[in-house]
Amino acid sequence: MAFIDYLPEDRIPEEDRVADHDNIIQIHGVHSRTLKQHYELYRELMYAKGPLTRVQREMIAVVVSAANDCHY
């Protein structure tokens, strides 16, 4: 599995920080302008109203990760 380094929160400009400390989100801190954009996209995809429930969306994410041999 590949490893992508990430910046500690105190090295990410305050205006680009988000309220989620998962490594998968914080990876974007290396190019901090994308951090907030990625987080907002994630929140929209996982929490906005739509035909799928939150559980169904999470299950799709798990299946895709498994198919990609991602152990995160």
Protein backbone atom coordinates (compact mmCIF):
# COMPACT_ATOMS: atom_id res chain seq x y z
CA MET A 1 0.00 0.00 0.00
CA ALA A 2 1.31 3.44 -0.90
CA PHE A 3 2.05 5.96 1.83
CA ILE A 4 1.34 9.64 1.38
CA ASP A 5 2.83 11.95 3.95
CA TYR A 6 0.61 14.60 5.50
CA LEU A 7 1.20 17.81 7.37
CA PRO A 8 0.37 18.20 11.04
CA GLU A 9 -2.59 20.54 11.54
CA ASP A 10 -0.43 23.32 12.97
CA ARG A 11 1.42 23.52 9.62
CA ILE A 12 -1.79 23.93 7.61
CA PRO A 13 -2.91 27.56 7.21
CA GLU A 14 -5.79 28.23 9.58
CA GLU A 15 -8.14 29.31 6.78
CA ASP A 16 -7.68 25.92 5.06
CA ARG A 17 -8.25 23.70 8.11
CA VAL A 18 -11.37 21.56 8.48
CA ALA A 19 -13.15 19.97 11.44
CA ASP A 20 -12.10 16.45 10.45
CA HIS A 21 -8.80 14.96 11.55
CA ASP A 22 -8.88 11.71 9.57
CA ASN A 23 -5.61 11.10 7.77
CA ILE A 24 -7.41 10.62 4.46
CA ILE A 25 -8.62 14.23 4.72
CA GLN A 26 -5.41 15.65 6.21
CA ILE A 27 -3.33 14.25 3.32
CA HIS A 28 -4.61 17.22 1.33
CA GLY A 29 -2.78 19.53 3.72
CA VAL A 30 0.32 19.15 1.54
CA HIS A 31 -1.59 21.40 -0.89
CA SER A 32 -3.82 23.04 1.66
CA ARG A 33 -6.16 24.87 -0.71
CA THR A 34 -7.49 21.47 -1.78
CA LEU A 35 -8.04 20.32 1.81
CA LYS A 36 -11.21 22.34 2.35
CA GLN A 37 -12.47 21.58 -1.17
CA HIS A 38 -12.01 17.85 -0.70
CA TYR A 39 -13.72 17.96 2.67
CA GLU A 40 -16.69 19.90 1.28
CA LEU A 41 -17.01 17.41 -1.61
CA TYR A 42 -16.86 14.50 0.83
CA ARG A 43 -19.55 16.07 3.05
CA GLU A 44 -21.79 16.70 0.05
CA LEU A 45 -21.42 13.17 -1.30
CA MET A 46 -21.88 11.43 2.04
CA TYR A 47 -24.44 13.60 3.83
CA ALA A 48 -26.58 15.43 1.26
CA LYS A 49 -30.10 14.23 0.57
CA GLY A 50 -30.28 11.67 -2.19
CA PRO A 51 -31.56 8.25 -3.19
CA LEU A 52 -29.00 6.39 -1.06
CA THR A 53 -28.87 6.27 2.72
CA ARG A 54 -25.72 7.19 4.61
CA VAL A 55 -25.16 3.49 5.39
CA GLN A 56 -25.46 2.56 1.71
CA ARG A 57 -22.94 5.25 0.76
CA GLU A 58 -20.48 4.02 3.40
CA MET A 59 -20.93 0.44 2.21
CA ILE A 60 -20.15 1.48 -1.37
CA ALA A 61 -16.99 3.18 -0.10
CA VAL A 62 -15.98 0.00 1.77
CA VAL A 63 -16.57 -2.22 -1.26
CA VAL A 64 -14.62 0.11 -3.57
CA SER A 65 -11.75 0.27 -1.08
CA ALA A 66 -11.68 -3.52 -0.84
CA ALA A 67 -11.76 -3.88 -4.64
CA ASN A 68 -8.81 -1.47 -4.82
CA ASP A 69 -6.96 -3.43 -2.12
CA CYS A 70 -6.99 -0.36 0.10
CA HIS A 71 -6.55 -1.18 3.78
CA TYR A 72 -7.29 2.28 5.15
